[in-house]
Amino acid sequence: MISLSPPTICNSAFFEKVKGQYPEMDIKIPFLTVMETLQYKPAESAAKVQCPVLIVIAGQDSVNPPEQGKALYDAVASGTKELYEEADACHYDIYEGAFFERVAAVQTQWFKKHL
C-alpha cells in the first residue's frame, strides 16, 4: 500500500481534473527543460532585484515548498517587498476557486499600489 501525502493527492487531483477537461492535452516536458529548471537558483538573482516584489506561496505546496518561497523573499534586495501565503493551498489550488479569488485580490491590490 502506498500512502500519499495531502499535497501529493491535491496535485494529482488537479492533473486528473485537467486531463478530464482537456483530454487532447498530453503534457510532456523535455529532459533538457527539466535539467535547466533544476539548476535554476532564483535566490541568486533575487539579490539584484531593486523594484517592488510580491511573492505568493501556497502553504501546502509540495512542488515549490513554502520554505523556498520564504528563502526567495529573504533574498530579494528590494526594500519594497511583500510575501503572501495561502496557508491551506497546494501548488495548483491558487488557480481556481476561493484560493484563486483571494490570491487575485492580493495581486490586484499590489499592482494598484505599485504600478
PDB file of N, CA and C in Angstrom:
ATOM      1  N   MET A   1       0.837  -1.179   0.000  1.00  0.00           N
ATOM      2  CA  MET A   1       0.000   0.000   0.000  1.00  0.00           C
ATOM      3  C   MET A   1       0.885   1.247   0.000  1.00  0.00           C
ATOM      4  N   ILE A   2       0.528   2.188  -0.844  1.00  0.00           N
ATOM      5  CA  ILE A   2       1.248   3.456  -0.917  1.00  0.00           C
ATOM      6  C   ILE A   2       0.395   4.527  -0.260  1.00  0.00           C
ATOM      7  N   SER A   3       1.010   5.268   0.630  1.00  0.00           N
ATOM      8  CA  SER A   3       0.312   6.362   1.297  1.00  0.00           C
ATOM      9  C   SER A   3       0.781   7.676   0.688  1.00  0.00           C
ATOM     10  N   LEU A   4      -0.153   8.439   0.179  1.00  0.00           N
ATOM     11  CA  LEU A   4       0.177   9.724  -0.433  1.00  0.00           C
ATOM     12  C   LEU A   4      -0.136  10.851   0.532  1.00  0.00           C
ATOM     13  N   SER A   5       0.735  11.832   0.582  1.00  0.00           N
ATOM     14  CA  SER A   5       0.507  12.989   1.439  1.00  0.00           C
ATOM     15  C   SER A   5      -0.607  13.849   0.846  1.00  0.00           C
ATOM     16  N   PRO A   6      -1.285  14.650   1.668  1.00  0.00           N
ATOM     17  CA  PRO A   6      -2.336  15.536   1.134  1.00  0.00           C
ATOM     18  C   PRO A   6      -1.873  16.421  -0.016  1.00  0.00           C
ATOM     19  N   PRO A   7      -0.663  17.045   0.039  1.00  0.00           N
ATOM     20  CA  PRO A   7      -0.238  17.839  -1.126  1.00  0.00           C
ATOM     21  C   PRO A   7      -0.100  17.009  -2.391  1.00  0.00           C
ATOM     22  N   THR A   8       0.418  15.781  -2.266  1.00  0.00           N
ATOM     23  CA  THR A   8       0.555  14.914  -3.438  1.00  0.00           C
ATOM     24  C   THR A   8      -0.810  14.579  -4.000  1.00  0.00           C
ATOM     25  N   ILE A   9      -1.751  14.305  -3.122  1.00  0.00           N
ATOM     26  CA  ILE A   9      -3.111  13.977  -3.556  1.00  0.00           C
ATOM     27  C   ILE A   9      -3.740  15.167  -4.264  1.00  0.00           C
ATOM     28  N   CYS A  10      -3.610  16.371  -3.708  1.00  0.00           N
ATOM     29  CA  CYS A  10      -4.265  17.517  -4.352  1.00  0.00           C
ATOM     30  C   CYS A  10      -3.573  17.881  -5.658  1.00  0.00           C
ATOM     31  N   ASN A  11      -2.260  17.689  -5.779  1.00  0.00           N
ATOM     32  CA  ASN A  11      -1.587  17.929  -7.056  1.00  0.00           C
ATOM     33  C   ASN A  11      -2.040  16.914  -8.089  1.00  0.00           C
ATOM     34  N   SER A  12      -2.150  15.653  -7.696  1.00  0.00           N
ATOM     35  CA  SER A  12      -2.625  14.611  -8.613  1.00  0.00           C
ATOM     36  C   SER A  12      -4.059  14.885  -9.032  1.00  0.00           C
ATOM     37  N   ALA A  13      -4.875  15.322  -8.091  1.00  0.00           N
ATOM     38  CA  ALA A  13      -6.274  15.621  -8.397  1.00  0.00           C
ATOM     39  C   ALA A  13      -6.374  16.740  -9.428  1.00  0.00           C
ATOM     40  N   PHE A  14      -5.515  17.733  -9.325  1.00  0.00           N
ATOM     41  CA  PHE A  14      -5.510  18.826 -10.291  1.00  0.00           C
ATOM     42  C   PHE A  14      -5.243  18.291 -11.692  1.00  0.00           C
ATOM     43  N   PHE A  15      -4.216  17.461 -11.840  1.00  0.00           N
ATOM     44  CA  PHE A  15      -3.873  16.935 -13.163  1.00  0.00           C
ATOM     45  C   PHE A  15      -4.962  16.021 -13.706  1.00  0.00           C
ATOM     46  N   GLU A  16      -5.578  15.231 -12.844  1.00  0.00           N
ATOM     47  CA  GLU A  16      -6.670  14.362 -13.292  1.00  0.00           C
ATOM     48  C   GLU A  16      -7.854  15.199 -13.768  1.00  0.00           C
ATOM     49  N   LYS A  17      -8.149  16.267 -13.047  1.00  0.00           N
ATOM     50  CA  LYS A  17      -9.254  17.151 -13.432  1.00  0.00           C
ATOM     51  C   LYS A  17      -8.972  17.790 -14.790  1.00  0.00           C
ATOM     52  N   VAL A  18      -7.769  18.331 -14.969  1.00  0.00           N
ATOM     53  CA  VAL A  18      -7.404  18.977 -16.233  1.00  0.00           C
ATOM     54  C   VAL A  18      -7.403  17.961 -17.369  1.00  0.00           C
ATOM     55  N   LYS A  19      -6.903  16.776 -17.092  1.00  0.00           N
ATOM     56  CA  LYS A  19      -6.881  15.710 -18.106  1.00  0.00           C
ATOM     57  C   LYS A  19      -8.303  15.373 -18.556  1.00  0.00           C
ATOM     58  N   GLY A  20      -9.242  15.370 -17.613  1.00  0.00           N
ATOM     59  CA  GLY A  20     -10.641  15.115 -17.953  1.00  0.00           C
ATOM     60  C   GLY A  20     -11.264  16.247 -18.750  1.00  0.00           C
ATOM     61  N   GLN A  21     -10.897  17.480 -18.417  1.00  0.00           N
ATOM     62  CA  GLN A  21     -11.444  18.644 -19.112  1.00  0.00           C
ATOM     63  C   GLN A  21     -10.840  18.825 -20.499  1.00  0.00           C
ATOM     64  N   TYR A  22      -9.570  18.478 -20.637  1.00  0.00           N
ATOM     65  CA  TYR A  22      -8.842  18.690 -21.894  1.00  0.00           C
ATOM     66  C   TYR A  22      -8.088  17.416 -22.284  1.00  0.00           C
ATOM     67  N   PRO A  23      -8.817  16.369 -22.679  1.00  0.00           N
ATOM     68  CA  PRO A  23      -8.165  15.081 -22.957  1.00  0.00           C
ATOM     69  C   PRO A  23      -7.146  15.133 -24.090  1.00  0.00           C
ATOM     70  N   GLU A  24      -7.266  16.115 -24.972  1.00  0.00           N
ATOM     71  CA  GLU A  24      -6.318  16.212 -26.089  1.00  0.00           C
ATOM     72  C   GLU A  24      -4.949  16.741 -25.648  1.00  0.00           C
ATOM     73  N   MET A  25      -4.885  17.295 -24.449  1.00  0.00           N
ATOM     74  CA  MET A  25      -3.604  17.797 -23.948  1.00  0.00           C
ATOM     75  C   MET A  25      -2.794  16.641 -23.371  1.00  0.00           C
ATOM     76  N   ASP A  26      -1.624  16.462 -23.901  1.00  0.00           N
ATOM     77  CA  ASP A  26      -0.720  15.434 -23.406  1.00  0.00           C
ATOM     78  C   ASP A  26       0.591  16.136 -23.090  1.00  0.00           C
ATOM     79  N   ILE A  27       0.729  16.545 -21.844  1.00  0.00           N
ATOM     80  CA  ILE A  27       1.857  17.378 -21.462  1.00  0.00           C
ATOM     81  C   ILE A  27       3.090  16.517 -21.201  1.00  0.00           C
ATOM     82  N   LYS A  28       4.131  16.822 -21.934  1.00  0.00           N
ATOM     83  CA  LYS A  28       5.423  16.176 -21.727  1.00  0.00           C
ATOM     84  C   LYS A  28       6.470  17.284 -21.649  1.00  0.00           C
ATOM     85  N   ILE A  29       7.378  17.157 -20.708  1.00  0.00           N
ATOM     86  CA  ILE A  29       8.423  18.157 -20.542  1.00  0.00           C
ATOM     87  C   ILE A  29       9.744  17.552 -21.000  1.00  0.00           C
ATOM     88  N   PRO A  30      10.418  18.197 -21.951  1.00  0.00           N
ATOM     89  CA  PRO A  30      11.704  17.676 -22.424  1.00  0.00           C
ATOM     90  C   PRO A  30      12.735  17.593 -21.296  1.00  0.00           C
ATOM     91  N   PHE A  31      13.583  16.592 -21.370  1.00  0.00           N
ATOM     92  CA  PHE A  31      14.601  16.356 -20.352  1.00  0.00           C
ATOM     93  C   PHE A  31      15.474  17.586 -20.116  1.00  0.00           C
ATOM     94  N   LEU A  32      15.903  18.256 -21.185  1.00  0.00           N
ATOM     95  CA  LEU A  32      16.767  19.431 -21.019  1.00  0.00           C
ATOM     96  C   LEU A  32      16.063  20.550 -20.264  1.00  0.00           C
ATOM     97  N   THR A  33      14.763  20.691 -20.477  1.00  0.00           N
ATOM     98  CA  THR A  33      13.994  21.694 -19.744  1.00  0.00           C
ATOM     99  C   THR A  33      13.977  21.358 -18.263  1.00  0.00           C
ATOM    100  N   VAL A  34      13.783  20.092 -17.953  1.00  0.00           N
ATOM    101  CA  VAL A  34      13.792  19.655 -16.553  1.00  0.00           C
ATOM    102  C   VAL A  34      15.157  19.938 -15.925  1.00  0.00           C
ATOM    103  N   MET A  35      16.219  19.601 -16.629  1.00  0.00           N
ATOM    104  CA  MET A  35      17.571  19.825 -16.102  1.00  0.00           C
ATOM    105  C   MET A  35      17.839  21.316 -15.862  1.00  0.00           C
ATOM    106  N   GLU A  36      17.446  22.155 -16.812  1.00  0.00           N
ATOM    107  CA  GLU A  36      17.648  23.597 -16.644  1.00  0.00           C
ATOM    108  C   GLU A  36      16.835  24.128 -15.469  1.00  0.00           C
ATOM    109  N   THR A  37      15.631  23.631 -15.323  1.00  0.00           N
ATOM    110  CA  THR A  37      14.772  24.057 -14.221  1.00  0.00           C
ATOM    111  C   THR A  37      15.386  23.671 -12.883  1.00  0.00           C
ATOM    112  N   LEU A  38      15.903  22.461 -12.787  1.00  0.00           N
ATOM    113  CA  LEU A  38      16.505  22.002 -11.538  1.00  0.00           C
ATOM    114  C   LEU A  38      17.772  22.778 -11.189  1.00  0.00           C
ATOM    115  N   GLN A  39      18.456  23.277 -12.195  1.00  0.00           N
ATOM    116  CA  GLN A  39      19.697  24.017 -11.959  1.00  0.00           C
ATOM    117  C   GLN A  39      19.458  25.504 -11.687  1.00  0.00           C
ATOM    118  N   TYR A  40      18.264  25.985 -11.972  1.00  0.00           N
ATOM    119  CA  TYR A  40      17.949  27.400 -11.794  1.00  0.00           C
ATOM    120  C   TYR A  40      17.839  27.731 -10.311  1.00  0.00           C
ATOM    121  N   LYS A  41      18.518  28.761  -9.877  1.00  0.00           N
ATOM    122  CA  LYS A  41      18.519  29.196  -8.483  1.00  0.00           C
ATOM    123  C   LYS A  41      18.070  30.656  -8.420  1.00  0.00           C
ATOM    124  N   PRO A  42      16.760  30.894  -8.330  1.00  0.00           N
ATOM    125  CA  PRO A  42      16.265  32.277  -8.365  1.00  0.00           C
ATOM    126  C   PRO A  42      16.789  33.151  -7.232  1.00  0.00           C
ATOM    127  N   ALA A  43      17.108  32.568  -6.092  1.00  0.00           N
ATOM    128  CA  ALA A  43      17.605  33.376  -4.975  1.00  0.00           C
ATOM    129  C   ALA A  43      18.918  34.071  -5.325  1.00  0.00           C
ATOM    130  N   GLU A  44      19.702  33.465  -6.217  1.00  0.00           N
ATOM    131  CA  GLU A  44      20.961  34.091  -6.627  1.00  0.00           C
ATOM    132  C   GLU A  44      20.709  35.395  -7.388  1.00  0.00           C
ATOM    133  N   SER A  45      19.668  35.428  -8.181  1.00  0.00           N
ATOM    134  CA  SER A  45      19.321  36.645  -8.925  1.00  0.00           C
ATOM    135  C   SER A  45      18.532  37.620  -8.065  1.00  0.00           C
ATOM    136  N   ALA A  46      17.826  37.109  -7.075  1.00  0.00           N
ATOM    137  CA  ALA A  46      16.964  37.947  -6.241  1.00  0.00           C
ATOM    138  C   ALA A  46      17.746  39.035  -5.516  1.00  0.00           C
ATOM    139  N   ALA A  47      18.991  38.765  -5.208  1.00  0.00           N
ATOM    140  CA  ALA A  47      19.817  39.748  -4.504  1.00  0.00           C
ATOM    141  C   ALA A  47      20.059  41.005  -5.336  1.00  0.00           C
ATOM    142  N   LYS A  48      19.789  40.923  -6.627  1.00  0.00           N
ATOM    143  CA  LYS A  48      19.985  42.072  -7.522  1.00  0.00           C
ATOM    144  C   LYS A  48      18.691  42.857  -7.756  1.00  0.00           C
ATOM    145  N   VAL A  49      17.574  42.330  -7.307  1.00  0.00           N
ATOM    146  CA  VAL A  49      16.266  42.935  -7.586  1.00  0.00           C
ATOM    147  C   VAL A  49      16.041  44.144  -6.681  1.00  0.00           C
ATOM    148  N   GLN A  50      15.785  45.295  -7.310  1.00  0.00           N
ATOM    149  CA  GLN A  50      15.570  46.539  -6.570  1.00  0.00           C
ATOM    150  C   GLN A  50      14.138  47.061  -6.691  1.00  0.00           C
ATOM    151  N   CYS A  51      13.368  46.535  -7.623  1.00  0.00           N
ATOM    152  CA  CYS A  51      11.993  47.005  -7.830  1.00  0.00           C
ATOM    153  C   CYS A  51      11.050  46.325  -6.835  1.00  0.00           C
ATOM    154  N   PRO A  52       9.825  46.855  -6.673  1.00  0.00           N
ATOM    155  CA  PRO A  52       8.857  46.220  -5.786  1.00  0.00           C
ATOM    156  C   PRO A  52       8.580  44.771  -6.205  1.00  0.00           C
ATOM    157  N   VAL A  53       8.410  43.907  -5.205  1.00  0.00           N
ATOM    158  CA  VAL A  53       8.226  42.477  -5.448  1.00  0.00           C
ATOM    159  C   VAL A  53       7.094  41.942  -4.577  1.00  0.00           C
ATOM    160  N   LEU A  54       6.251  41.120  -5.178  1.00  0.00           N
ATOM    161  CA  LEU A  54       5.239  40.363  -4.445  1.00  0.00           C
ATOM    162  C   LEU A  54       5.523  38.894  -4.699  1.00  0.00           C
ATOM    163  N   ILE A  55       5.687  38.134  -3.635  1.00  0.00           N
ATOM    164  CA  ILE A  55       5.885  36.691  -3.749  1.00  0.00           C
ATOM    165  C   ILE A  55       4.682  36.020  -3.116  1.00  0.00           C
ATOM    166  N   VAL A  56       4.036  35.146  -3.888  1.00  0.00           N
ATOM    167  CA  VAL A  56       2.861  34.407  -3.424  1.00  0.00           C
ATOM    168  C   VAL A  56       3.257  32.948  -3.270  1.00  0.00           C
ATOM    169  N   ILE A  57       2.971  32.393  -2.106  1.00  0.00           N
ATOM    170  CA  ILE A  57       3.282  30.982  -1.878  1.00  0.00           C
ATOM    171  C   ILE A  57       2.052  30.239  -1.380  1.00  0.00           C
ATOM    172  N   ALA A  58       2.028  28.947  -1.672  1.00  0.00           N
ATOM    173  CA  ALA A  58       0.974  28.060  -1.184  1.00  0.00           C
ATOM    174  C   ALA A  58       1.554  27.272  -0.011  1.00  0.00           C
ATOM    175  N   GLY A  59       0.904  27.351   1.127  1.00  0.00           N
ATOM    176  CA  GLY A  59       1.428  26.762   2.356  1.00  0.00           C
ATOM    177  C   GLY A  59       1.574  25.257   2.350  1.00  0.00           C
ATOM    178  N   GLN A  60       0.826  24.566   1.493  1.00  0.00           N
ATOM    179  CA  GLN A  60       0.885  23.102   1.422  1.00  0.00           C
ATOM    180  C   GLN A  60       1.524  22.632   0.118  1.00  0.00           C
ATOM    181  N   ASP A  61       2.323  23.479  -0.474  1.00  0.00           N
ATOM    182  CA  ASP A  61       2.918  23.210  -1.784  1.00  0.00           C
ATOM    183  C   ASP A  61       4.030  22.169  -1.678  1.00  0.00           C
ATOM    184  N   SER A  62       3.910  21.089  -2.448  1.00  0.00           N
ATOM    185  CA  SER A  62       4.975  20.079  -2.486  1.00  0.00           C
ATOM    186  C   SER A  62       5.814  20.222  -3.753  1.00  0.00           C
ATOM    187  N   VAL A  63       5.374  21.052  -4.698  1.00  0.00           N
ATOM    188  CA  VAL A  63       6.136  21.304  -5.922  1.00  0.00           C
ATOM    189  C   VAL A  63       7.218  22.344  -5.627  1.00  0.00           C
ATOM    190  N   ASN A  64       6.801  23.458  -5.058  1.00  0.00           N
ATOM    191  CA  ASN A  64       7.710  24.509  -4.592  1.00  0.00           C
ATOM    192  C   ASN A  64       7.377  24.758  -3.124  1.00  0.00           C
ATOM    193  N   PRO A  65       8.004  24.025  -2.223  1.00  0.00           N
ATOM    194  CA  PRO A  65       7.670  24.146  -0.797  1.00  0.00           C
ATOM    195  C   PRO A  65       7.744  25.592  -0.301  1.00  0.00           C
ATOM    196  N   PRO A  66       6.897  25.938   0.669  1.00  0.00           N
ATOM    197  CA  PRO A  66       6.847  27.310   1.170  1.00  0.00           C
ATOM    198  C   PRO A  66       8.208  27.833   1.640  1.00  0.00           C
ATOM    199  N   GLU A  67       9.048  26.948   2.151  1.00  0.00           N
ATOM    200  CA  GLU A  67      10.372  27.371   2.610  1.00  0.00           C
ATOM    201  C   GLU A  67      11.175  27.981   1.461  1.00  0.00           C
ATOM    202  N   GLN A  68      10.987  27.462   0.250  1.00  0.00           N
ATOM    203  CA  GLN A  68      11.688  28.010  -0.911  1.00  0.00           C
ATOM    204  C   GLN A  68      11.206  29.430  -1.210  1.00  0.00           C
ATOM    205  N   GLY A  69       9.900  29.626  -1.145  1.00  0.00           N
ATOM    206  CA  GLY A  69       9.346  30.958  -1.382  1.00  0.00           C
ATOM    207  C   GLY A  69       9.788  31.954  -0.323  1.00  0.00           C
ATOM    208  N   LYS A  70       9.844  31.490   0.925  1.00  0.00           N
ATOM    209  CA  LYS A  70      10.295  32.370   2.012  1.00  0.00           C
ATOM    210  C   LYS A  70      11.778  32.709   1.862  1.00  0.00           C
ATOM    211  N   ALA A  71      12.571  31.740   1.437  1.00  0.00           N
ATOM    212  CA  ALA A  71      14.000  31.995   1.203  1.00  0.00           C
ATOM    213  C   ALA A  71      14.185  32.982   0.053  1.00  0.00           C
ATOM    214  N   LEU A  72      13.353  32.847  -0.978  1.00  0.00           N
ATOM    215  CA  LEU A  72      13.410  33.785  -2.099  1.00  0.00           C
ATOM    216  C   LEU A  72      13.065  35.191  -1.618  1.00  0.00           C
ATOM    217  N   TYR A  73      12.002  35.297  -0.825  1.00  0.00           N
ATOM    218  CA  TYR A  73      11.605  36.589  -0.259  1.00  0.00           C
ATOM    219  C   TYR A  73      12.761  37.208   0.534  1.00  0.00           C
ATOM    220  N   ASP A  74      13.391  36.409   1.377  1.00  0.00           N
ATOM    221  CA  ASP A  74      14.511  36.907   2.186  1.00  0.00           C
ATOM    222  C   ASP A  74      15.677  37.366   1.319  1.00  0.00           C
ATOM    223  N   ALA A  75      15.858  36.710   0.175  1.00  0.00           N
ATOM    224  CA  ALA A  75      16.990  37.027  -0.705  1.00  0.00           C
ATOM    225  C   ALA A  75      16.768  38.271  -1.553  1.00  0.00           C
ATOM    226  N   VAL A  76      15.509  38.669  -1.746  1.00  0.00           N
ATOM    227  CA  VAL A  76      15.216  39.844  -2.578  1.00  0.00           C
ATOM    228  C   VAL A  76      15.788  41.094  -1.911  1.00  0.00           C
ATOM    229  N   ALA A  77      16.548  41.857  -2.685  1.00  0.00           N
ATOM    230  CA  ALA A  77      17.214  43.048  -2.149  1.00  0.00           C
ATOM    231  C   ALA A  77      16.274  44.241  -1.992  1.00  0.00           C
ATOM    232  N   SER A  78      15.195  44.258  -2.729  1.00  0.00           N
ATOM    233  CA  SER A  78      14.282  45.397  -2.716  1.00  0.00           C
ATOM    234  C   SER A  78      13.785  45.700  -1.307  1.00  0.00           C
ATOM    235  N   GLY A  79      13.725  46.978  -0.995  1.00  0.00           N
ATOM    236  CA  GLY A  79      13.157  47.393   0.276  1.00  0.00           C
ATOM    237  C   GLY A  79      11.641  47.380   0.250  1.00  0.00           C
ATOM    238  N   THR A  80      11.079  47.232  -0.940  1.00  0.00           N
ATOM    239  CA  THR A  80       9.630  47.181  -1.110  1.00  0.00           C
ATOM    240  C   THR A  80       9.271  45.782  -1.582  1.00  0.00           C
ATOM    241  N   LYS A  81       8.985  44.923  -0.617  1.00  0.00           N
ATOM    242  CA  LYS A  81       8.648  43.542  -0.956  1.00  0.00           C
ATOM    243  C   LYS A  81       7.577  43.042  -0.006  1.00  0.00           C
ATOM    244  N   GLU A  82       6.734  42.168  -0.547  1.00  0.00           N
ATOM    245  CA  GLU A  82       5.661  41.575   0.240  1.00  0.00           C
ATOM    246  C   GLU A  82       5.644  40.078  -0.001  1.00  0.00           C
ATOM    247  N   LEU A  83       5.266  39.347   1.051  1.00  0.00           N
ATOM    248  CA  LEU A  83       5.112  37.899   0.971  1.00  0.00           C
ATOM    249  C   LEU A  83       3.682  37.572   1.354  1.00  0.00           C
ATOM    250  N   TYR A  84       2.972  36.874   0.480  1.00  0.00           N
ATOM    251  CA  TYR A  84       1.606  36.451   0.776  1.00  0.00           C
ATOM    252  C   TYR A  84       1.569  34.933   0.739  1.00  0.00           C
ATOM    253  N   GLU A  85       1.059  34.340   1.814  1.00  0.00           N
ATOM    254  CA  GLU A  85       0.939  32.884   1.881  1.00  0.00           C
ATOM    255  C   GLU A  85      -0.524  32.479   1.984  1.00  0.00           C
ATOM    256  N   GLU A  86      -0.933  31.619   1.088  1.00  0.00           N
ATOM    257  CA  GLU A  86      -2.258  31.000   1.162  1.00  0.00           C
ATOM    258  C   GLU A  86      -2.022  29.670   1.886  1.00  0.00           C
ATOM    259  N   ALA A  87      -2.176  29.701   3.217  1.00  0.00           N
ATOM    260  CA  ALA A  87      -1.704  28.635   4.106  1.00  0.00           C
ATOM    261  C   ALA A  87      -2.233  27.238   3.786  1.00  0.00           C
ATOM    262  N   ASP A  88      -3.484  27.120   3.409  1.00  0.00           N
ATOM    263  CA  ASP A  88      -4.079  25.796   3.204  1.00  0.00           C
ATOM    264  C   ASP A  88      -4.038  25.323   1.758  1.00  0.00           C
ATOM    265  N   ALA A  89      -3.404  26.070   0.883  1.00  0.00           N
ATOM    266  CA  ALA A  89      -3.407  25.745  -0.550  1.00  0.00           C
ATOM    267  C   ALA A  89      -2.225  24.859  -0.934  1.00  0.00           C
ATOM    268  N   CYS A  90      -2.495  23.953  -1.880  1.00  0.00           N
ATOM    269  CA  CYS A  90      -1.437  23.195  -2.545  1.00  0.00           C
ATOM    270  C   CYS A  90      -0.999  24.005  -3.768  1.00  0.00           C
ATOM    271  N   HIS A  91      -0.007  23.509  -4.473  1.00  0.00           N
ATOM    272  CA  HIS A  91       0.599  24.242  -5.584  1.00  0.00           C
ATOM    273  C   HIS A  91      -0.427  24.754  -6.597  1.00  0.00           C
ATOM    274  N   TYR A  92      -1.322  23.907  -7.044  1.00  0.00           N
ATOM    275  CA  TYR A  92      -2.240  24.271  -8.127  1.00  0.00           C
ATOM    276  C   TYR A  92      -3.561  24.851  -7.623  1.00  0.00           C
ATOM    277  N   ASP A  93      -3.798  24.828  -6.325  1.00  0.00           N
ATOM    278  CA  ASP A  93      -5.064  25.326  -5.774  1.00  0.00           C
ATOM    279  C   ASP A  93      -5.289  26.806  -6.052  1.00  0.00           C
ATOM    280  N   ILE A  94      -4.222  27.570  -6.149  1.00  0.00           N
ATOM    281  CA  ILE A  94      -4.396  29.023  -6.294  1.00  0.00           C
ATOM    282  C   ILE A  94      -4.838  29.432  -7.693  1.00  0.00           C
ATOM    283  N   TYR A  95      -5.066  28.460  -8.561  1.00  0.00           N
ATOM    284  CA  TYR A  95      -5.503  28.768  -9.926  1.00  0.00           C
ATOM    285  C   TYR A  95      -7.010  28.694 -10.111  1.00  0.00           C
ATOM    286  N   GLU A  96      -7.747  28.385  -9.038  1.00  0.00           N
ATOM    287  CA  GLU A  96      -9.203  28.317  -9.174  1.00  0.00           C
ATOM    288  C   GLU A  96      -9.876  28.429  -7.811  1.00  0.00           C
ATOM    289  N   GLY A  97     -11.167  28.708  -7.849  1.00  0.00           N
ATOM    290  CA  GLY A  97     -11.972  28.728  -6.637  1.00  0.00           C
ATOM    291  C   GLY A  97     -11.610  29.836  -5.662  1.00  0.00           C
ATOM    292  N   ALA A  98     -11.898  29.575  -4.382  1.00  0.00           N
ATOM    293  CA  ALA A  98     -11.697  30.580  -3.334  1.00  0.00           C
ATOM    294  C   ALA A  98     -10.230  30.980  -3.185  1.00  0.00           C
ATOM    295  N   PHE A  99      -9.324  30.015  -3.321  1.00  0.00           N
ATOM    296  CA  PHE A  99      -7.896  30.351  -3.244  1.00  0.00           C
ATOM    297  C   PHE A  99      -7.535  31.357  -4.334  1.00  0.00           C
ATOM    298  N   PHE A 100      -7.993  31.084  -5.552  1.00  0.00           N
ATOM    299  CA  PHE A 100      -7.724  31.983  -6.676  1.00  0.00           C
ATOM    300  C   PHE A 100      -8.279  33.375  -6.403  1.00  0.00           C
ATOM    301  N   GLU A 101      -9.505  33.433  -5.913  1.00  0.00           N
ATOM    302  CA  GLU A 101     -10.141  34.732  -5.649  1.00  0.00           C
ATOM    303  C   GLU A 101      -9.318  35.549  -4.660  1.00  0.00           C
ATOM    304  N   ARG A 102      -8.854  34.905  -3.590  1.00  0.00           N
ATOM    305  CA  ARG A 102      -8.065  35.635  -2.590  1.00  0.00           C
ATOM    306  C   ARG A 102      -6.714  36.074  -3.153  1.00  0.00           C
ATOM    307  N   VAL A 103      -6.040  35.162  -3.847  1.00  0.00           N
ATOM    308  CA  VAL A 103      -4.730  35.498  -4.414  1.00  0.00           C
ATOM    309  C   VAL A 103      -4.867  36.605  -5.457  1.00  0.00           C
ATOM    310  N   ALA A 104      -5.871  36.505  -6.320  1.00  0.00           N
ATOM    311  CA  ALA A 104      -6.078  37.527  -7.349  1.00  0.00           C
ATOM    312  C   ALA A 104      -6.362  38.889  -6.712  1.00  0.00           C
ATOM    313  N   ALA A 105      -7.110  38.905  -5.610  1.00  0.00           N
ATOM    314  CA  ALA A 105      -7.396  40.170  -4.921  1.00  0.00           C
ATOM    315  C   ALA A 105      -6.109  40.778  -4.352  1.00  0.00           C
ATOM    316  N   VAL A 106      -5.266  39.941  -3.763  1.00  0.00           N
ATOM    317  CA  VAL A 106      -3.987  40.421  -3.224  1.00  0.00           C
ATOM    318  C   VAL A 106      -3.114  40.961  -4.355  1.00  0.00           C
ATOM    319  N   GLN A 107      -3.041  40.224  -5.450  1.00  0.00           N
ATOM    320  CA  GLN A 107      -2.225  40.658  -6.585  1.00  0.00           C
ATOM    321  C   GLN A 107      -2.755  41.954  -7.189  1.00  0.00           C
ATOM    322  N   THR A 108      -4.069  42.054  -7.324  1.00  0.00           N
ATOM    323  CA  THR A 108      -4.679  43.260  -7.888  1.00  0.00           C
ATOM    324  C   THR A 108      -4.363  44.475  -7.022  1.00  0.00           C
ATOM    325  N   GLN A 109      -4.507  44.334  -5.707  1.00  0.00           N
ATOM    326  CA  GLN A 109      -4.193  45.441  -4.804  1.00  0.00           C
ATOM    327  C   GLN A 109      -2.714  45.812  -4.883  1.00  0.00           C
ATOM    328  N   TRP A 110      -1.866  44.795  -4.995  1.00  0.00           N
ATOM    329  CA  TRP A 110      -0.430  45.050  -5.094  1.00  0.00           C
ATOM    330  C   TRP A 110      -0.108  45.842  -6.365  1.00  0.00           C
ATOM    331  N   PHE A 111      -0.707  45.428  -7.488  1.00  0.00           N
ATOM    332  CA  PHE A 111      -0.470  46.147  -8.748  1.00  0.00           C
ATOM    333  C   PHE A 111      -0.995  47.582  -8.672  1.00  0.00           C
ATOM    334  N   LYS A 112      -2.162  47.771  -8.074  1.00  0.00           N
ATOM    335  CA  LYS A 112      -2.703  49.129  -7.945  1.00  0.00           C
ATOM    336  C   LYS A 112      -1.767  50.020  -7.125  1.00  0.00           C
ATOM    337  N   LYS A 113      -1.148  49.436  -6.147  1.00  0.00           N
ATOM    338  CA  LYS A 113      -0.252  50.188  -5.266  1.00  0.00           C
ATOM    339  C   LYS A 113       1.098  50.490  -5.924  1.00  0.00           C
ATOM    340  N   HIS A 114       1.591  49.571  -6.741  1.00  0.00           N
ATOM    341  CA  HIS A 114       2.969  49.684  -7.227  1.00  0.00           C
ATOM    342  C   HIS A 114       3.121  50.019  -8.710  1.00  0.00           C
ATOM    343  N   LEU A 115       2.035  50.055  -9.464  1.00  0.00           N
ATOM    344  CA  LEU A 115       2.157  50.409 -10.886  1.00  0.00           C
ATOM    345  C   LEU A 115       1.726  51.845 -11.131  1.00  0.00           C
TER     346      LEU A 115
END
